[in-house]
Amino acid sequence: MEVHQHSHQPHGKKTWRNYFWEFLMLFLAVFCGFLAEYQLEHTIEHDREQQYISSMIADMREDSAKINSSIDLCEKQIAGFDNLLENIYNRPYTDSSLKVMYITQLKYTHNRYSVFFTKRTIKQLENSGALRLIRNKSVSDSITFYNEECVMAETQADYFEKVRMNKVYDYSLKLFDNQYVLDYKGQVLKTLFDNGSKITLLDDDPRLIKEYANAITYARGSLKTYIFILKAIKAKIPTKLSFLEDNNH
C-alpha cells in the first residue's frame, strides 16, 4: 500500500496586522481605563471643592453671628470704661462714686468679649493642602483674604487682652479690694456694700490712680480699634457669602 506523506504547513501564523490590532486594542483598553480613572478623580475633587465652599459659607455665617454679639458687648465695655474714667477723675470720692467704681471695674475690666472665629474649613484647607482644589482663583483669594482679616482681628484682640488689659488688671489689684466680686450673672455679691462698712480704695495715691486711668484710656483705644476691625469684616461678609454661593454649583 502506498503511503502518502502530507506536508505540514503552519496554520494561524500571525502577520504584522494581527500584532498591530492586538497592540491597538490593548492600548485602547489601557487608555480608556486611564480616562475613566482621571474622570473619577476629577469628579471626586470637584465634589470636595463644593463641600469646602459649602463648609466655608457655614463658617462665615457662624462668624457673622459671633461678630455681631462681640461688637455689641465691646461697645458696652467702652461705655463702662467711660463711666469708670468719669468717676476716677471726679474727685473727691464719695461712697456713691467709689461704689460705682468698684462695680464698674469689676463688670467691665475683668471680662473678654473677643471673637473665636470658626476655622474648621480654613484649617482643613491649610493642613491638607486642599486649597488647590478651589479652581476659581477669585474664590480661593476670597477665602484667603477672609482668613487674613480674621488673623488681623485676632492679633488686635490678643494685644488688647494680653498687653493693655493685663496692665489694667495689675493696677486694679493695687487699688481695689477683691472681696467685692461678681457672681456668674454679673451681679455684685452682697459684701461690704450691704453691711454699712465704709467703702475705700486699697491705695489712695493720686499718681497710682492716674496711672490706672491712663491704662484704661489706652485699653479703651485698643478696644476701639478692635471694634473697627470687626465692623470692617462684618461689612464684607454679605458680599463674600453671595459670591461663594454663586460659585457653589
Protein backbone atom coordinates (compact mmCIF):
# COMPACT_ATOMS: atom_id res chain seq x y z
CA MET A 1 0.00 0.00 0.00
CA GLU A 2 1.31 3.29 -0.97
CA VAL A 3 1.66 5.74 1.88
CA HIS A 4 1.30 9.41 1.08
CA GLN A 5 3.07 11.89 3.22
CA HIS A 6 1.16 15.08 3.94
CA SER A 7 3.07 18.29 4.07
CA HIS A 8 2.65 20.12 7.38
CA GLN A 9 2.09 23.80 6.67
CA PRO A 10 1.81 26.18 9.65
CA HIS A 11 -1.75 27.25 10.38
CA GLY A 12 -2.77 30.60 12.10
CA LYS A 13 0.56 32.28 11.63
CA LYS A 14 0.29 35.91 12.87
CA THR A 15 1.07 38.69 10.49
CA TRP A 16 2.07 42.22 11.35
CA ARG A 17 -1.59 43.23 11.01
CA ASN A 18 -2.54 40.85 13.82
CA TYR A 19 0.13 42.26 16.08
CA PHE A 20 -0.91 45.80 15.21
CA TRP A 21 -4.58 45.18 16.08
CA GLU A 22 -3.69 43.42 19.34
CA PHE A 23 -1.46 46.33 20.28
CA LEU A 24 -4.15 48.82 19.34
CA MET A 25 -6.82 47.02 21.38
CA LEU A 26 -4.52 46.79 24.39
CA PHE A 27 -3.58 50.45 24.05
CA LEU A 28 -7.22 51.48 23.82
CA ALA A 29 -8.12 49.41 26.89
CA VAL A 30 -5.34 50.98 28.95
CA PHE A 31 -6.12 54.45 27.63
CA CYS A 32 -9.85 54.13 28.38
CA GLY A 33 -9.03 52.90 31.88
CA PHE A 34 -6.80 55.92 32.35
CA LEU A 35 -9.56 58.24 31.14
CA ALA A 36 -12.11 56.62 33.46
CA GLU A 37 -9.77 56.93 36.45
CA TYR A 38 -8.96 60.54 35.56
CA GLN A 39 -12.65 61.40 35.23
CA LEU A 40 -13.42 59.71 38.55
CA GLU A 41 -10.64 61.60 40.30
CA HIS A 42 -11.79 64.83 38.67
CA THR A 43 -15.37 64.21 39.85
CA ILE A 44 -14.20 63.44 43.40
CA GLU A 45 -12.07 66.59 43.55
CA HIS A 46 -14.93 68.67 42.18
CA ASP A 47 -17.26 67.29 44.86
CA ARG A 48 -14.67 68.04 47.55
CA GLU A 49 -14.29 71.56 46.18
CA GLN A 50 -18.03 72.17 46.53
CA GLN A 51 -18.01 70.67 50.03
CA TYR A 52 -15.22 73.01 51.11
CA ILE A 53 -17.03 76.04 49.70
CA SER A 54 -20.28 74.99 51.43
CA SER A 55 -18.37 74.48 54.68
CA MET A 56 -16.74 77.90 54.31
CA ILE A 57 -20.15 79.50 53.82
CA ALA A 58 -21.40 77.87 57.03
CA ASP A 59 -18.29 79.06 58.91
CA MET A 60 -18.80 82.63 57.74
CA ARG A 61 -22.42 82.60 58.82
CA GLU A 62 -21.35 81.45 62.29
CA ASP A 63 -18.68 84.14 62.40
CA SER A 64 -21.20 86.80 61.40
CA ALA A 65 -23.38 85.98 64.42
CA LYS A 66 -20.34 85.92 66.72
CA ILE A 67 -19.12 89.27 65.39
CA ASN A 68 -22.50 90.92 65.96
CA SER A 69 -22.55 89.70 69.56
CA SER A 70 -18.93 90.71 70.19
CA ILE A 71 -19.39 94.22 68.77
CA ASP A 72 -22.43 94.77 70.99
CA LEU A 73 -20.60 93.60 74.13
CA CYS A 74 -17.41 95.50 73.30
CA GLU A 75 -19.34 98.74 72.78
CA LYS A 76 -20.95 98.23 76.20
CA GLN A 77 -17.46 97.70 77.58
CA ILE A 78 -16.37 101.01 76.04
CA ALA A 79 -19.29 102.71 77.78
CA GLY A 80 -18.21 101.02 81.01
CA PHE A 81 -14.67 102.35 80.58
CA ASP A 82 -16.06 105.84 80.03
CA ASN A 83 -18.18 105.62 83.17
CA LEU A 84 -15.21 104.36 85.18
CA LEU A 85 -12.93 107.15 83.91
CA GLU A 86 -15.58 109.77 84.63
CA ASN A 87 -15.74 108.65 88.27
CA ILE A 88 -11.96 108.31 88.61
CA TYR A 89 -11.41 111.91 87.52
CA ASN A 90 -14.29 113.20 89.68
CA ARG A 91 -12.56 113.84 92.98
CA PRO A 92 -13.05 113.93 95.92
CA TYR A 93 -14.55 110.45 96.02
CA THR A 94 -17.78 109.68 97.87
CA ASP A 95 -19.24 106.37 98.97
CA SER A 96 -21.52 106.53 95.96
CA SER A 97 -18.73 107.21 93.44
CA LEU A 98 -16.48 104.57 94.97
CA LYS A 99 -19.28 102.04 94.79
CA VAL A 100 -19.76 102.88 91.10
CA MET A 101 -16.00 102.49 90.54
CA TYR A 102 -15.96 99.10 92.27
CA ILE A 103 -18.95 97.80 90.35
CA THR A 104 -17.83 99.23 87.00
CA GLN A 105 -14.26 97.97 87.16
CA LEU A 106 -15.44 94.51 88.18
CA LYS A 107 -18.02 94.35 85.42
CA TYR A 108 -16.04 95.85 82.55
CA THR A 109 -12.32 95.34 83.15
CA HIS A 110 -12.34 91.64 84.04
CA ASN A 111 -14.24 90.30 81.03
CA ARG A 112 -13.22 89.49 77.47
CA TYR A 113 -15.58 89.66 74.51
CA SER A 114 -13.31 88.81 71.59
CA VAL A 115 -14.48 86.58 68.73
CA PHE A 116 -13.34 82.99 68.44
CA PHE A 117 -13.57 82.65 64.67
CA THR A 118 -14.82 79.38 63.19
CA LYS A 119 -11.78 77.96 61.42
CA ARG A 120 -12.83 74.40 60.66
CA THR A 121 -12.66 74.81 56.89
CA ILE A 122 -9.57 77.04 56.87
CA LYS A 123 -7.63 74.53 58.97
CA GLN A 124 -8.69 71.65 56.73
CA LEU A 125 -7.64 73.56 53.61
CA GLU A 126 -4.29 74.54 55.12
CA ASN A 127 -3.42 71.20 56.74
CA SER A 128 -4.33 69.06 53.73
CA GLY A 129 -3.16 71.45 51.01
CA ALA A 130 -6.68 71.26 49.59
CA LEU A 131 -6.81 74.94 48.69
CA ARG A 132 -5.55 73.86 45.26
CA LEU A 133 -8.91 72.15 44.74
CA ILE A 134 -10.59 75.56 44.60
CA ARG A 135 -10.17 76.06 40.85
CA ASN A 136 -11.66 79.54 40.71
CA LYS A 137 -8.82 81.84 41.77
CA SER A 138 -11.23 84.56 42.82
CA VAL A 139 -12.92 82.12 45.20
CA SER A 140 -9.64 80.90 46.71
CA ASP A 141 -8.45 84.51 47.03
CA SER A 142 -11.70 85.45 48.79
CA ILE A 143 -11.21 82.64 51.31
CA THR A 144 -7.55 83.56 51.84
CA PHE A 145 -8.29 87.27 52.31
CA TYR A 146 -11.07 86.49 54.77
CA ASN A 147 -8.69 84.36 56.81
CA GLU A 148 -6.11 87.17 56.81
CA GLU A 149 -8.74 89.62 58.09
CA CYS A 150 -9.67 87.19 60.88
CA VAL A 151 -6.00 86.84 61.83
CA MET A 152 -5.73 90.64 61.96
CA ALA A 153 -8.71 90.79 64.33
CA GLU A 154 -7.24 88.02 66.50
CA THR A 155 -3.91 89.83 66.68
CA GLN A 156 -5.61 93.03 67.84
CA ALA A 157 -7.68 91.08 70.38
CA ASP A 158 -4.52 89.48 71.77
CA TYR A 159 -2.86 92.89 72.05
CA PHE A 160 -5.89 94.34 73.84
CA GLU A 161 -6.21 91.42 76.25
CA LYS A 162 -2.59 90.45 76.92
CA VAL A 163 -0.96 93.88 76.85
CA ARG A 164 -3.49 96.58 77.63
CA MET A 165 -5.94 94.74 79.90
CA ASN A 166 -3.18 92.96 81.82
CA LYS A 167 -1.84 96.37 82.83
CA VAL A 168 -5.31 97.46 83.89
CA TYR A 169 -5.67 94.30 85.93
CA ASP A 170 -2.29 94.82 87.61
CA TYR A 171 -3.32 98.31 88.70
CA SER A 172 -6.74 97.12 89.87
CA LEU A 173 -5.04 94.68 92.26
CA LYS A 174 -3.33 97.63 93.92
CA LEU A 175 -6.40 99.84 94.12
CA PHE A 176 -9.47 97.67 94.70
CA ASP A 177 -10.37 95.21 97.42
CA ASN A 178 -11.02 91.80 95.86
CA GLN A 179 -13.72 90.92 98.36
CA TYR A 180 -16.10 92.77 96.05
CA VAL A 181 -16.70 90.13 93.40
CA LEU A 182 -19.28 89.33 90.76
CA ASP A 183 -21.42 86.23 90.53
CA TYR A 184 -21.96 84.30 87.30
CA LYS A 185 -24.75 86.68 86.25
CA GLY A 186 -22.51 89.73 86.56
CA GLN A 187 -24.20 90.97 89.72
CA VAL A 188 -22.18 92.20 92.69
CA LEU A 189 -22.36 89.78 95.60
CA LYS A 190 -23.54 91.18 98.90
CA THR A 191 -20.44 92.08 100.90
CA LEU A 192 -19.34 95.35 102.46
CA PHE A 193 -21.78 97.22 100.23
CA ASP A 194 -24.65 95.98 102.36
CA ASN A 195 -23.30 95.83 105.91
CA GLY A 196 -22.68 99.52 106.42
CA SER A 197 -18.88 99.39 106.21
CA LYS A 198 -17.14 102.35 104.64
CA ILE A 199 -16.03 101.76 101.05
CA THR A 200 -12.39 102.65 100.43
CA LEU A 201 -9.61 102.03 97.97
CA LEU A 202 -6.61 99.95 98.99
CA ASP A 203 -4.36 102.82 97.93
CA ASP A 204 -5.45 106.44 97.50
CA ASP A 205 -2.17 107.61 95.92
CA PRO A 206 -3.16 110.17 93.21
CA ARG A 207 -0.25 109.11 90.99
CA LEU A 208 -1.25 105.44 91.13
CA ILE A 209 -4.86 106.32 90.36
CA LYS A 210 -3.71 108.48 87.44
CA GLU A 211 -1.62 105.61 86.04
CA TYR A 212 -4.63 103.34 86.37
CA ALA A 213 -6.76 105.85 84.47
CA ASN A 214 -4.08 106.08 81.76
CA ALA A 215 -4.02 102.29 81.44
CA ILE A 216 -7.80 102.25 81.00
CA THR A 217 -7.58 105.01 78.39
CA TYR A 218 -5.02 103.07 76.34
CA ALA A 219 -7.07 99.89 76.69
CA ARG A 220 -10.14 101.79 75.52
CA GLY A 221 -8.29 102.96 72.39
CA SER A 222 -7.12 99.42 71.66
CA LEU A 223 -10.65 98.10 72.05
CA LYS A 224 -11.99 100.78 69.70
CA THR A 225 -9.50 99.59 67.08
CA TYR A 226 -10.67 96.02 67.58
CA ILE A 227 -14.31 97.05 67.12
CA PHE A 228 -13.35 98.92 63.94
CA ILE A 229 -11.70 95.76 62.51
CA LEU A 230 -14.72 93.63 63.41
CA LYS A 231 -17.09 96.07 61.75
CA ALA A 232 -14.95 96.04 58.60
CA ILE A 233 -15.12 92.23 58.48
CA LYS A 234 -18.85 92.27 59.19
CA ALA A 235 -19.48 94.70 56.33
CA LYS A 236 -17.73 92.41 53.83
CA ILE A 237 -19.31 89.11 54.88
CA PRO A 238 -22.63 89.50 52.96
CA THR A 239 -20.77 90.18 49.70
CA LYS A 240 -18.38 87.28 50.29
CA LEU A 241 -21.27 84.94 51.10
CA SER A 242 -23.15 85.95 47.97
CA PHE A 243 -20.02 85.45 45.86
CA LEU A 244 -19.28 82.00 47.33
CA GLU A 245 -22.89 80.88 46.95
CA ASP A 246 -22.91 81.96 43.30
CA ASN A 247 -19.82 79.81 42.69
CA ASN A 248 -21.09 76.80 44.65
CA HIS A 249 -22.95 74.85 41.96
